[in-house]
């Protein structure tokens, strides 16, 4: 019974909403086109920023892992320099 009593209002508001929906559709399409154009312009810059951030993060992790190994690298360098300088020359005059 309630459905039958509210049917004229439902039909009226349904037609109004459909009419306004058809009026607003071109603006929604224009909004979609503008957002797509902005996305196509901004996407390369965003991808470049992501690539730079990944490179910086990789370098930071590499430094964080390699800095504790620097004393061992200096010891190995000194041992190599001593061994290299104490080798006899292979050339004969």
Protein backbone atom coordinates (compact mmCIF):
# COMPACT_ATOMS: atom_id res chain seq x y z
CA UNK A 1 0.00 0.00 0.00
CA UNK A 2 2.83 2.37 0.88
CA UNK A 3 4.51 1.62 -2.49
CA UNK A 4 1.33 2.61 -4.34
CA UNK A 5 0.97 5.80 -2.34
CA UNK A 6 4.56 6.90 -3.08
CA UNK A 7 4.60 5.76 -6.72
CA UNK A 8 3.82 9.19 -8.25
CA UNK A 9 6.65 10.78 -6.25
CA UNK A 10 9.04 8.01 -7.20
CA UNK A 11 8.16 8.45 -10.88
CA UNK A 12 8.52 12.24 -10.69
CA UNK A 13 11.88 12.13 -8.91
CA UNK A 14 13.06 9.33 -11.19
CA UNK A 15 12.32 11.42 -14.30
CA UNK A 16 13.97 14.48 -12.73
CA UNK A 17 17.08 12.57 -11.75
CA UNK A 18 17.28 11.00 -15.22
CA UNK A 19 16.93 14.43 -16.84
CA UNK A 20 19.61 16.00 -14.65
CA UNK A 21 21.76 12.93 -15.19
CA UNK A 22 21.59 13.44 -18.94
CA UNK A 23 22.42 17.14 -18.50
CA UNK A 24 25.43 16.40 -16.33
CA UNK A 25 26.80 13.58 -18.53
CA UNK A 26 28.83 15.81 -20.91
CA UNK A 27 30.52 17.47 -17.94
CA UNK A 28 31.39 14.10 -16.50
CA UNK A 29 32.88 13.05 -19.83
CA UNK A 30 34.86 16.30 -20.03
CA UNK A 31 36.15 15.65 -16.52
CA UNK A 32 37.25 12.17 -17.57
CA UNK A 33 39.06 13.50 -20.65
CA UNK A 34 40.85 16.21 -18.66
CA UNK A 35 41.93 13.75 -15.98
CA UNK A 36 43.25 11.37 -18.63
CA UNK A 37 45.20 14.19 -20.33
CA UNK A 38 46.71 15.30 -17.03
CA UNK A 39 47.61 11.70 -16.25
CA UNK A 40 49.40 11.31 -19.58
CA UNK A 41 51.40 14.47 -18.93
CA UNK A 42 52.23 13.71 -15.30
CA UNK A 43 52.88 9.97 -15.55
CA UNK A 44 56.43 10.21 -17.02
CA UNK A 45 57.47 12.62 -14.27
CA UNK A 46 55.99 10.37 -11.61
CA UNK A 47 57.77 7.33 -13.02
CA UNK A 48 61.03 9.29 -13.17
CA UNK A 49 60.61 10.31 -9.53
CA UNK A 50 59.96 6.68 -8.57
CA UNK A 51 63.08 5.54 -10.45
CA UNK A 52 65.25 8.18 -8.75
CA UNK A 53 63.82 7.25 -5.34
CA UNK A 54 64.56 3.57 -5.95
CA UNK A 55 68.12 4.42 -7.02
CA UNK A 56 68.68 6.54 -3.90
CA UNK A 57 67.25 3.77 -1.71
CA UNK A 58 69.50 1.18 -3.38
CA UNK A 59 72.59 3.35 -2.84
CA UNK A 60 71.60 3.95 0.79
CA UNK A 61 71.19 0.23 1.46
CA UNK A 62 74.46 -0.52 -0.32
CA UNK A 63 76.28 2.07 1.80
CA UNK A 64 74.67 0.79 4.98
CA UNK A 65 75.88 -2.73 4.19
CA UNK A 66 79.37 -1.80 2.94
CA UNK A 67 80.48 0.82 5.50
CA UNK A 68 81.00 -1.77 8.28
CA UNK A 69 83.27 -3.71 5.89
CA UNK A 70 85.63 -0.76 5.23
CA UNK A 71 88.18 -1.69 7.93
CA UNK A 72 88.59 -5.13 6.36
CA UNK A 73 88.99 -3.52 2.95
CA UNK A 74 91.77 -1.25 4.29
CA UNK A 75 93.59 -4.22 5.84
CA UNK A 76 93.32 -6.12 2.56
CA UNK A 77 94.63 -3.07 0.67
CA UNK A 78 97.64 -2.78 2.96
CA UNK A 79 98.40 -6.51 2.67
CA UNK A 80 98.12 -6.31 -1.12
CA UNK A 81 100.41 -3.24 -1.24
CA UNK A 82 103.04 -4.93 0.93
CA UNK A 83 102.94 -8.15 -1.09
CA UNK A 84 103.11 -6.25 -4.38
CA UNK A 85 106.07 -4.14 -3.33
CA UNK A 86 108.07 -7.09 -1.97
CA UNK A 87 107.80 -9.20 -5.14
CA UNK A 88 110.96 -9.43 -7.22
CA UNK A 89 110.86 -7.99 -10.69
CA UNK A 90 110.28 -10.50 -13.47
CA UNK A 91 112.22 -8.63 -16.13
CA UNK A 92 115.86 -9.54 -16.78
CA UNK A 93 118.34 -6.99 -18.11
